[in-house]
Amino acid sequence: DWVDRAYFVLPARKIQRDPLSQLRKRISEI
């Protein structure tokens, strides 16, 4: 179960850590 969850969660976490992706999301919201 943990492996199945980690397979999808870990790539999403990499994106969450990226400040440039966060900036793009914020500008889109604006």
Full PDB file with SEQRES, HELIX, SHEET, SSBOND, CRYST1, ORIGX, SCALE, CONECT and MASTER records, all heavy atoms in Angstrom:
SEQRES   1 A   30  ASP TRP VAL ASP ARG ALA TYR PHE VAL LEU PRO ALA ARG          
SEQRES   2 A   30  LYS ILE GLN ARG ASP PRO LEU SER GLN LEU ARG LYS ARG          
SEQRES   3 A   30  ILE SER GLU ILE                                              
HELIX    1 AA1 TRP A    2  ARG A   17  1                                  16    
HELIX    2 AA2 PRO A   19  GLU A   29  1                                  11    
CRYST1    1.000    1.000    1.000  90.00  90.00  90.00 P 1           1          
ORIGX1      1.000000  0.000000  0.000000        0.00000                         
ORIGX2      0.000000  1.000000  0.000000        0.00000                         
ORIGX3      0.000000  0.000000  1.000000        0.00000                         
SCALE1      1.000000  0.000000  0.000000        0.00000                         
SCALE2      0.000000  1.000000  0.000000        0.00000                         
SCALE3      0.000000  0.000000  1.000000        0.00000                         
ATOM      1  N   ASP A   1       0.832  -1.213   0.000  1.00  0.00           N  
ATOM      2  CA  ASP A   1       0.000   0.000   0.000  1.00  0.00           C  
ATOM      3  C   ASP A   1       0.864   1.259   0.000  1.00  0.00           C  
ATOM      4  O   ASP A   1       0.582   2.214  -0.724  1.00  0.00           O  
ATOM      5  CB  ASP A   1      -0.936   0.025   1.219  1.00  0.00           C  
ATOM      6  CG  ASP A   1      -2.045  -1.008   1.125  1.00  0.00           C  
ATOM      7  OD1 ASP A   1      -2.296  -1.546   0.017  1.00  0.00           O  
ATOM      8  OD2 ASP A   1      -2.667  -1.288   2.175  1.00  0.00           O  
ATOM      9  N   TRP A   2       1.922   1.256   0.813  1.00  0.00           N  
ATOM     10  CA  TRP A   2       2.799   2.418   0.867  1.00  0.00           C  
ATOM     11  C   TRP A   2       3.499   2.628  -0.479  1.00  0.00           C  
ATOM     12  O   TRP A   2       3.586   3.756  -0.966  1.00  0.00           O  
ATOM     13  CB  TRP A   2       3.839   2.272   1.994  1.00  0.00           C  
ATOM     14  CG  TRP A   2       4.715   3.467   2.054  1.00  0.00           C  
ATOM     15  CD1 TRP A   2       4.446   4.636   2.698  1.00  0.00           C  
ATOM     16  CD2 TRP A   2       5.971   3.643   1.402  1.00  0.00           C  
ATOM     17  NE1 TRP A   2       5.468   5.532   2.483  1.00  0.00           N  
ATOM     18  CE2 TRP A   2       6.408   4.948   1.689  1.00  0.00           C  
ATOM     19  CE3 TRP A   2       6.759   2.833   0.596  1.00  0.00           C  
ATOM     20  CZ2 TRP A   2       7.613   5.453   1.202  1.00  0.00           C  
ATOM     21  CZ3 TRP A   2       7.957   3.333   0.112  1.00  0.00           C  
ATOM     22  CH2 TRP A   2       8.362   4.635   0.419  1.00  0.00           C  
ATOM     23  N   VAL A   3       3.986   1.573  -1.100  1.00  0.00           N  
ATOM     24  CA  VAL A   3       4.653   1.672  -2.404  1.00  0.00           C  
ATOM     25  C   VAL A   3       3.679   2.224  -3.441  1.00  0.00           C  
ATOM     26  O   VAL A   3       4.028   3.119  -4.223  1.00  0.00           O  
ATOM     27  CB  VAL A   3       5.227   0.313  -2.844  1.00  0.00           C  
ATOM     28  CG1 VAL A   3       5.658   0.325  -4.307  1.00  0.00           C  
ATOM     29  CG2 VAL A   3       6.396  -0.084  -1.956  1.00  0.00           C  
ATOM     30  N   ASP A   4       2.465   1.707  -3.463  1.00  0.00           N  
ATOM     31  CA  ASP A   4       1.461   2.200  -4.418  1.00  0.00           C  
ATOM     32  C   ASP A   4       1.203   3.694  -4.220  1.00  0.00           C  
ATOM     33  O   ASP A   4       1.119   4.457  -5.177  1.00  0.00           O  
ATOM     34  CB  ASP A   4       0.141   1.429  -4.273  1.00  0.00           C  
ATOM     35  CG  ASP A   4       0.238  -0.004  -4.768  1.00  0.00           C  
ATOM     36  OD1 ASP A   4       1.197  -0.341  -5.490  1.00  0.00           O  
ATOM     37  OD2 ASP A   4      -0.665  -0.794  -4.415  1.00  0.00           O  
ATOM     38  N   ARG A   5       1.084   4.121  -2.982  1.00  0.00           N  
ATOM     39  CA  ARG A   5       0.841   5.536  -2.676  1.00  0.00           C  
ATOM     40  C   ARG A   5       2.076   6.375  -3.015  1.00  0.00           C  
ATOM     41  O   ARG A   5       1.970   7.439  -3.624  1.00  0.00           O  
ATOM     42  CB  ARG A   5       0.467   5.679  -1.197  1.00  0.00           C  
ATOM     43  CG  ARG A   5      -0.095   7.012  -0.826  1.00  0.00           C  
ATOM     44  CD  ARG A   5      -0.659   7.053   0.594  1.00  0.00           C  
ATOM     45  NE  ARG A   5       0.331   6.737   1.615  1.00  0.00           N  
ATOM     46  CZ  ARG A   5       0.410   5.579   2.295  1.00  0.00           C  
ATOM     47  NH1 ARG A   5      -0.474   4.629   2.096  1.00  0.00           N  
ATOM     48  NH2 ARG A   5       1.342   5.388   3.193  1.00  0.00           N  
ATOM     49  N   ALA A   6       3.251   5.891  -2.662  1.00  0.00           N  
ATOM     50  CA  ALA A   6       4.498   6.634  -2.905  1.00  0.00           C  
ATOM     51  C   ALA A   6       4.737   6.848  -4.393  1.00  0.00           C  
ATOM     52  O   ALA A   6       5.271   7.885  -4.790  1.00  0.00           O  
ATOM     53  CB  ALA A   6       5.678   5.899  -2.279  1.00  0.00           C  
ATOM     54  N   TYR A   7       4.348   5.906  -5.208  1.00  0.00           N  
ATOM     55  CA  TYR A   7       4.554   6.016  -6.656  1.00  0.00           C  
ATOM     56  C   TYR A   7       3.906   7.286  -7.209  1.00  0.00           C  
ATOM     57  O   TYR A   7       4.444   7.917  -8.108  1.00  0.00           O  
ATOM     58  CB  TYR A   7       3.989   4.773  -7.351  1.00  0.00           C  
ATOM     59  CG  TYR A   7       4.212   4.782  -8.842  1.00  0.00           C  
ATOM     60  CD1 TYR A   7       5.447   4.447  -9.374  1.00  0.00           C  
ATOM     61  CD2 TYR A   7       3.192   5.133  -9.716  1.00  0.00           C  
ATOM     62  CE1 TYR A   7       5.664   4.462 -10.745  1.00  0.00           C  
ATOM     63  CE2 TYR A   7       3.398   5.154 -11.079  1.00  0.00           C  
ATOM     64  CZ  TYR A   7       4.635   4.809 -11.593  1.00  0.00           C  
ATOM     65  OH  TYR A   7       4.844   4.830 -12.950  1.00  0.00           O  
ATOM     66  N   PHE A   8       2.765   7.657  -6.658  1.00  0.00           N  
ATOM     67  CA  PHE A   8       2.050   8.850  -7.126  1.00  0.00           C  
ATOM     68  C   PHE A   8       2.379  10.099  -6.286  1.00  0.00           C  
ATOM     69  O   PHE A   8       2.409  11.201  -6.806  1.00  0.00           O  
ATOM     70  CB  PHE A   8       0.537   8.609  -7.119  1.00  0.00           C  
ATOM     71  CG  PHE A   8       0.132   7.557  -8.105  1.00  0.00           C  
ATOM     72  CD1 PHE A   8      -0.127   6.262  -7.694  1.00  0.00           C  
ATOM     73  CD2 PHE A   8       0.058   7.854  -9.454  1.00  0.00           C  
ATOM     74  CE1 PHE A   8      -0.481   5.285  -8.622  1.00  0.00           C  
ATOM     75  CE2 PHE A   8      -0.287   6.889 -10.385  1.00  0.00           C  
ATOM     76  CZ  PHE A   8      -0.560   5.598  -9.965  1.00  0.00           C  
ATOM     77  N   VAL A   9       2.609   9.912  -5.006  1.00  0.00           N  
ATOM     78  CA  VAL A   9       2.830  11.044  -4.107  1.00  0.00           C  
ATOM     79  C   VAL A   9       4.202  11.684  -4.331  1.00  0.00           C  
ATOM     80  O   VAL A   9       4.323  12.910  -4.355  1.00  0.00           O  
ATOM     81  CB  VAL A   9       2.661  10.601  -2.632  1.00  0.00           C  
ATOM     82  CG1 VAL A   9       3.157  11.665  -1.672  1.00  0.00           C  
ATOM     83  CG2 VAL A   9       1.206  10.251  -2.355  1.00  0.00           C  
ATOM     84  N   LEU A  10       5.243  10.897  -4.516  1.00  0.00           N  
ATOM     85  CA  LEU A  10       6.596  11.451  -4.598  1.00  0.00           C  
ATOM     86  C   LEU A  10       6.789  12.403  -5.778  1.00  0.00           C  
ATOM     87  O   LEU A  10       7.378  13.481  -5.587  1.00  0.00           O  
ATOM     88  CB  LEU A  10       7.639  10.330  -4.599  1.00  0.00           C  
ATOM     89  CG  LEU A  10       7.721   9.555  -3.275  1.00  0.00           C  
ATOM     90  CD1 LEU A  10       8.709   8.402  -3.396  1.00  0.00           C  
ATOM     91  CD2 LEU A  10       8.084  10.467  -2.127  1.00  0.00           C  
ATOM     92  N   PRO A  11       6.316  12.099  -6.984  1.00  0.00           N  
ATOM     93  CA  PRO A  11       6.459  13.089  -8.063  1.00  0.00           C  
ATOM     94  C   PRO A  11       5.698  14.390  -7.782  1.00  0.00           C  
ATOM     95  O   PRO A  11       6.184  15.479  -8.104  1.00  0.00           O  
ATOM     96  CB  PRO A  11       5.880  12.381  -9.292  1.00  0.00           C  
ATOM     97  CG  PRO A  11       5.947  10.933  -8.980  1.00  0.00           C  
ATOM     98  CD  PRO A  11       5.794  10.832  -7.489  1.00  0.00           C  
ATOM     99  N   ALA A  12       4.538  14.284  -7.163  1.00  0.00           N  
ATOM    100  CA  ALA A  12       3.757  15.483  -6.835  1.00  0.00           C  
ATOM    101  C   ALA A  12       4.498  16.325  -5.804  1.00  0.00           C  
ATOM    102  O   ALA A  12       4.481  17.556  -5.865  1.00  0.00           O  
ATOM    103  CB  ALA A  12       2.376  15.099  -6.315  1.00  0.00           C  
ATOM    104  N   ARG A  13       5.168  15.682  -4.860  1.00  0.00           N  
ATOM    105  CA  ARG A  13       5.923  16.407  -3.838  1.00  0.00           C  
ATOM    106  C   ARG A  13       7.108  17.148  -4.454  1.00  0.00           C  
ATOM    107  O   ARG A  13       7.456  18.242  -4.019  1.00  0.00           O  
ATOM    108  CB  ARG A  13       6.395  15.451  -2.748  1.00  0.00           C  
ATOM    109  CG  ARG A  13       5.232  14.931  -1.903  1.00  0.00           C  
ATOM    110  CD  ARG A  13       5.680  13.810  -0.992  1.00  0.00           C  
ATOM    111  NE  ARG A  13       6.659  14.211  -0.024  1.00  0.00           N  
ATOM    112  CZ  ARG A  13       6.377  14.787   1.147  1.00  0.00           C  
ATOM    113  NH1 ARG A  13       5.134  15.030   1.489  1.00  0.00           N  
ATOM    114  NH2 ARG A  13       7.343  15.099   1.982  1.00  0.00           N  
ATOM    115  N   LYS A  14       7.716  16.550  -5.466  1.00  0.00           N  
ATOM    116  CA  LYS A  14       8.827  17.218  -6.148  1.00  0.00           C  
ATOM    117  C   LYS A  14       8.346  18.532  -6.764  1.00  0.00           C  
ATOM    118  O   LYS A  14       9.008  19.563  -6.659  1.00  0.00           O  
ATOM    119  CB  LYS A  14       9.401  16.304  -7.230  1.00  0.00           C  
ATOM    120  CG  LYS A  14      10.574  16.897  -7.952  1.00  0.00           C  
ATOM    121  CD  LYS A  14      11.141  15.918  -8.965  1.00  0.00           C  
ATOM    122  CE  LYS A  14      12.331  16.537  -9.684  1.00  0.00           C  
ATOM    123  NZ  LYS A  14      12.889  15.629 -10.668  1.00  0.00           N  
ATOM    124  N   ILE A  15       7.171  18.503  -7.365  1.00  0.00           N  
ATOM    125  CA  ILE A  15       6.600  19.710  -7.963  1.00  0.00           C  
ATOM    126  C   ILE A  15       6.262  20.723  -6.875  1.00  0.00           C  
ATOM    127  O   ILE A  15       6.503  21.918  -7.026  1.00  0.00           O  
ATOM    128  CB  ILE A  15       5.364  19.357  -8.815  1.00  0.00           C  
ATOM    129  CG1 ILE A  15       5.799  18.561 -10.040  1.00  0.00           C  
ATOM    130  CG2 ILE A  15       4.590  20.613  -9.215  1.00  0.00           C  
ATOM    131  CD1 ILE A  15       4.662  17.927 -10.810  1.00  0.00           C  
ATOM    132  N   GLN A  16       5.719  20.268  -5.748  1.00  0.00           N  
ATOM    133  CA  GLN A  16       5.353  21.170  -4.647  1.00  0.00           C  
ATOM    134  C   GLN A  16       6.563  21.922  -4.114  1.00  0.00           C  
ATOM    135  O   GLN A  16       6.442  23.045  -3.656  1.00  0.00           O  
ATOM    136  CB  GLN A  16       4.716  20.396  -3.498  1.00  0.00           C  
ATOM    137  CG  GLN A  16       3.335  19.897  -3.788  1.00  0.00           C  
ATOM    138  CD  GLN A  16       2.806  19.038  -2.649  1.00  0.00           C  
ATOM    139  OE1 GLN A  16       3.574  18.462  -1.880  1.00  0.00           O  
ATOM    140  NE2 GLN A  16       1.503  18.955  -2.541  1.00  0.00           N  
ATOM    141  N   ARG A  17       7.731  21.293  -4.167  1.00  0.00           N  
ATOM    142  CA  ARG A  17       8.937  21.934  -3.642  1.00  0.00           C  
ATOM    143  C   ARG A  17       9.518  22.964  -4.597  1.00  0.00           C  
ATOM    144  O   ARG A  17      10.359  23.754  -4.213  1.00  0.00           O  
ATOM    145  CB  ARG A  17      10.001  20.882  -3.377  1.00  0.00           C  
ATOM    146  CG  ARG A  17       9.733  20.050  -2.170  1.00  0.00           C  
ATOM    147  CD  ARG A  17      10.915  19.136  -1.895  1.00  0.00           C  
ATOM    148  NE  ARG A  17      10.657  18.288  -0.782  1.00  0.00           N  
ATOM    149  CZ  ARG A  17      10.212  17.043  -0.867  1.00  0.00           C  
ATOM    150  NH1 ARG A  17       9.996  16.503  -2.045  1.00  0.00           N  
ATOM    151  NH2 ARG A  17       9.984  16.328   0.206  1.00  0.00           N  
ATOM    152  N   ASP A  18       9.106  22.958  -5.841  1.00  0.00           N  
ATOM    153  CA  ASP A  18       9.685  23.824  -6.856  1.00  0.00           C  
ATOM    154  C   ASP A  18       9.067  25.219  -6.782  1.00  0.00           C  
ATOM    155  O   ASP A  18       7.903  25.409  -7.108  1.00  0.00           O  
ATOM    156  CB  ASP A  18       9.457  23.210  -8.236  1.00  0.00           C  
ATOM    157  CG  ASP A  18       9.996  24.066  -9.354  1.00  0.00           C  
ATOM    158  OD1 ASP A  18      10.769  25.005  -9.083  1.00  0.00           O  
ATOM    159  OD2 ASP A  18       9.654  23.796 -10.510  1.00  0.00           O  
ATOM    160  N   PRO A  19       9.829  26.230  -6.373  1.00  0.00           N  
ATOM    161  CA  PRO A  19       9.271  27.571  -6.224  1.00  0.00           C  
ATOM    162  C   PRO A  19       8.792  28.160  -7.549  1.00  0.00           C  
ATOM    163  O   PRO A  19       7.834  28.938  -7.559  1.00  0.00           O  
ATOM    164  CB  PRO A  19      10.423  28.402  -5.653  1.00  0.00           C  
ATOM    165  CG  PRO A  19      11.540  27.481  -5.402  1.00  0.00           C  
ATOM    166  CD  PRO A  19      11.210  26.152  -5.958  1.00  0.00           C  
ATOM    167  N   LEU A  20       9.417  27.820  -8.655  1.00  0.00           N  
ATOM    168  CA  LEU A  20       8.984  28.365  -9.931  1.00  0.00           C  
ATOM    169  C   LEU A  20       7.600  27.833 -10.307  1.00  0.00           C  
ATOM    170  O   LEU A  20       6.757  28.576 -10.810  1.00  0.00           O  
ATOM    171  CB  LEU A  20      10.007  28.051 -11.026  1.00  0.00           C  
ATOM    172  CG  LEU A  20       9.833  28.797 -12.339  1.00  0.00           C  
ATOM    173  CD1 LEU A  20       9.842  30.307 -12.115  1.00  0.00           C  
ATOM    174  CD2 LEU A  20      10.925  28.403 -13.311  1.00  0.00           C  
ATOM    175  N   SER A  21       7.337  26.572 -10.016  1.00  0.00           N  
ATOM    176  CA  SER A  21       5.993  26.024 -10.250  1.00  0.00           C  
ATOM    177  C   SER A  21       4.975  26.713  -9.355  1.00  0.00           C  
ATOM    178  O   SER A  21       3.854  26.990  -9.782  1.00  0.00           O  
ATOM    179  CB  SER A  21       5.970  24.515  -9.993  1.00  0.00           C  
ATOM    180  OG  SER A  21       6.733  23.839 -10.953  1.00  0.00           O  
ATOM    181  N   GLN A  22       5.372  26.995  -8.114  1.00  0.00           N  
ATOM    182  CA  GLN A  22       4.483  27.702  -7.203  1.00  0.00           C  
ATOM    183  C   GLN A  22       4.192  29.114  -7.715  1.00  0.00           C  
ATOM    184  O   GLN A  22       3.063  29.592  -7.634  1.00  0.00           O  
ATOM    185  CB  GLN A  22       5.092  27.775  -5.796  1.00  0.00           C  
ATOM    186  CG  GLN A  22       5.221  26.438  -5.124  1.00  0.00           C  
ATOM    187  CD  GLN A  22       3.876  25.800  -4.858  1.00  0.00           C  
ATOM    188  OE1 GLN A  22       2.947  26.456  -4.419  1.00  0.00           O  
ATOM    189  NE2 GLN A  22       3.759  24.520  -5.133  1.00  0.00           N  
ATOM    190  N   LEU A  23       5.218  29.778  -8.264  1.00  0.00           N  
ATOM    191  CA  LEU A  23       5.031  31.121  -8.822  1.00  0.00           C  
ATOM    192  C   LEU A  23       4.074  31.076 -10.007  1.00  0.00           C  
ATOM    193  O   LEU A  23       3.172  31.910 -10.117  1.00  0.00           O  
ATOM    194  CB  LEU A  23       6.373  31.721  -9.235  1.00  0.00           C  
ATOM    195  CG  LEU A  23       6.310  33.087  -9.912  1.00  0.00           C  
ATOM    196  CD1 LEU A  23       5.707  34.135  -8.980  1.00  0.00           C  
ATOM    197  CD2 LEU A  23       7.694  33.497 -10.391  1.00  0.00           C  
ATOM    198  N   ARG A  24       4.245  30.115 -10.873  1.00  0.00           N  
ATOM    199  CA  ARG A  24       3.352  30.005 -12.029  1.00  0.00           C  
ATOM    200  C   ARG A  24       1.906  29.812 -11.578  1.00  0.00           C  
ATOM    201  O   ARG A  24       0.982  30.444 -12.102  1.00  0.00           O  
ATOM    202  CB  ARG A  24       3.777  28.857 -12.937  1.00  0.00           C  
ATOM    203  CG  ARG A  24       2.837  28.709 -14.120  1.00  0.00           C  
ATOM    204  CD  ARG A  24       3.242  27.694 -15.135  1.00  0.00           C  
ATOM    205  NE  ARG A  24       3.957  26.564 -14.605  1.00  0.00           N  
ATOM    206  CZ  ARG A  24       4.648  25.732 -15.365  1.00  0.00           C  
ATOM    207  NH1 ARG A  24       4.735  25.928 -16.661  1.00  0.00           N  
ATOM    208  NH2 ARG A  24       5.263  24.700 -14.835  1.00  0.00           N  
ATOM    209  N   LYS A  25       1.706  28.960 -10.576  1.00  0.00           N  
ATOM    210  CA  LYS A  25       0.356  28.723 -10.058  1.00  0.00           C  
ATOM    211  C   LYS A  25      -0.224  30.013  -9.479  1.00  0.00           C  
ATOM    212  O   LYS A  25      -1.390  30.353  -9.735  1.00  0.00           O  
ATOM    213  CB  LYS A  25       0.402  27.640  -8.982  1.00  0.00           C  
ATOM    214  CG  LYS A  25      -0.933  27.313  -8.376  1.00  0.00           C  
ATOM    215  CD  LYS A  25      -0.804  26.223  -7.327  1.00  0.00           C  
ATOM    216  CE  LYS A  25      -2.129  25.975  -6.653  1.00  0.00           C  
ATOM    217  NZ  LYS A  25      -2.028  25.019  -5.567  1.00  0.00           N  
ATOM    218  N   ARG A  26       0.584  30.758  -8.727  1.00  0.00           N  
ATOM    219  CA  ARG A  26       0.108  32.000  -8.118  1.00  0.00           C  
ATOM    220  C   ARG A  26      -0.249  33.034  -9.181  1.00  0.00           C  
ATOM    221  O   ARG A  26      -1.292  33.690  -9.097  1.00  0.00           O  
ATOM    222  CB  ARG A  26       1.183  32.562  -7.167  1.00  0.00           C  
ATOM    223  CG  ARG A  26       0.817  33.885  -6.559  1.00  0.00           C  
ATOM    224  CD  ARG A  26      -0.384  33.738  -5.615  1.00  0.00           C  
ATOM    225  NE  ARG A  26      -0.816  35.047  -5.187  1.00  0.00           N  
ATOM    226  CZ  ARG A  26      -2.067  35.487  -5.245  1.00  0.00           C  
ATOM    227  NH1 ARG A  26      -3.032  34.716  -5.671  1.00  0.00           N  
ATOM    228  NH2 ARG A  26      -2.364  36.694  -4.851  1.00  0.00           N  
ATOM    229  N   ILE A  27       0.596  33.184 -10.206  1.00  0.00           N  
ATOM    230  CA  ILE A  27       0.301  34.141 -11.271  1.00  0.00           C  
ATOM    231  C   ILE A  27      -0.960  33.743 -12.016  1.00  0.00           C  
ATOM    232  O   ILE A  27      -1.793  34.585 -12.346  1.00  0.00           O  
ATOM    233  CB  ILE A  27       1.511  34.300 -12.217  1.00  0.00           C  
ATOM    234  CG1 ILE A  27       2.645  35.023 -11.483  1.00  0.00           C  
ATOM    235  CG2 ILE A  27       1.122  35.070 -13.478  1.00  0.00           C  
ATOM    236  CD1 ILE A  27       3.951  35.076 -12.251  1.00  0.00           C  
ATOM    237  N   SER A  28      -1.154  32.475 -12.263  1.00  0.00           N  
ATOM    238  CA  SER A  28      -2.365  31.999 -12.920  1.00  0.00           C  
ATOM    239  C   SER A  28      -3.600  32.355 -12.089  1.00  0.00           C  
ATOM    240  O   SER A  28      -4.623  32.789 -12.629  1.00  0.00           O  
ATOM    241  CB  SER A  28      -2.283  30.494 -13.146  1.00  0.00           C  
ATOM    242  OG  SER A  28      -3.443  30.016 -13.767  1.00  0.00           O  
ATOM    243  N   GLU A  29      -3.499  32.172 -10.758  1.00  0.00           N  
ATOM    244  CA  GLU A  29      -4.615  32.529  -9.869  1.00  0.00           C  
ATOM    245  C   GLU A  29      -4.905  34.020  -9.937  1.00  0.00           C  
ATOM    246  O   GLU A  29      -6.073  34.437  -9.941  1.00  0.00           O  
ATOM    247  CB  GLU A  29      -4.295  32.130  -8.434  1.00  0.00           C  
ATOM    248  CG  GLU A  29      -4.287  30.639  -8.207  1.00  0.00           C  
ATOM    249  CD  GLU A  29      -3.713  30.247  -6.855  1.00  0.00           C  
ATOM    250  OE1 GLU A  29      -3.168  31.132  -6.131  1.00  0.00           O  
ATOM    251  OE2 GLU A  29      -3.777  29.058  -6.520  1.00  0.00           O  
ATOM    252  N   ILE A  30      -3.856  34.832  -9.996  1.00  0.00           N  
ATOM    253  CA  ILE A  30      -4.032  36.288 -10.087  1.00  0.00           C  
ATOM    254  C   ILE A  30      -4.750  36.643 -11.378  1.00  0.00           C  
ATOM    255  O   ILE A  30      -5.693  37.437 -11.389  1.00  0.00           O  
ATOM    256  CB  ILE A  30      -2.666  37.008 -10.001  1.00  0.00           C  
ATOM    257  CG1 ILE A  30      -2.089  36.885  -8.592  1.00  0.00           C  
ATOM    258  CG2 ILE A  30      -2.797  38.477 -10.413  1.00  0.00           C  
ATOM    259  CD1 ILE A  30      -0.628  37.274  -8.475  1.00  0.00           C  
TER     260      ILE A  30                                                      
MASTER        0    0    0    2    0    0    0    6  259    1    0    3          
END                                                                             
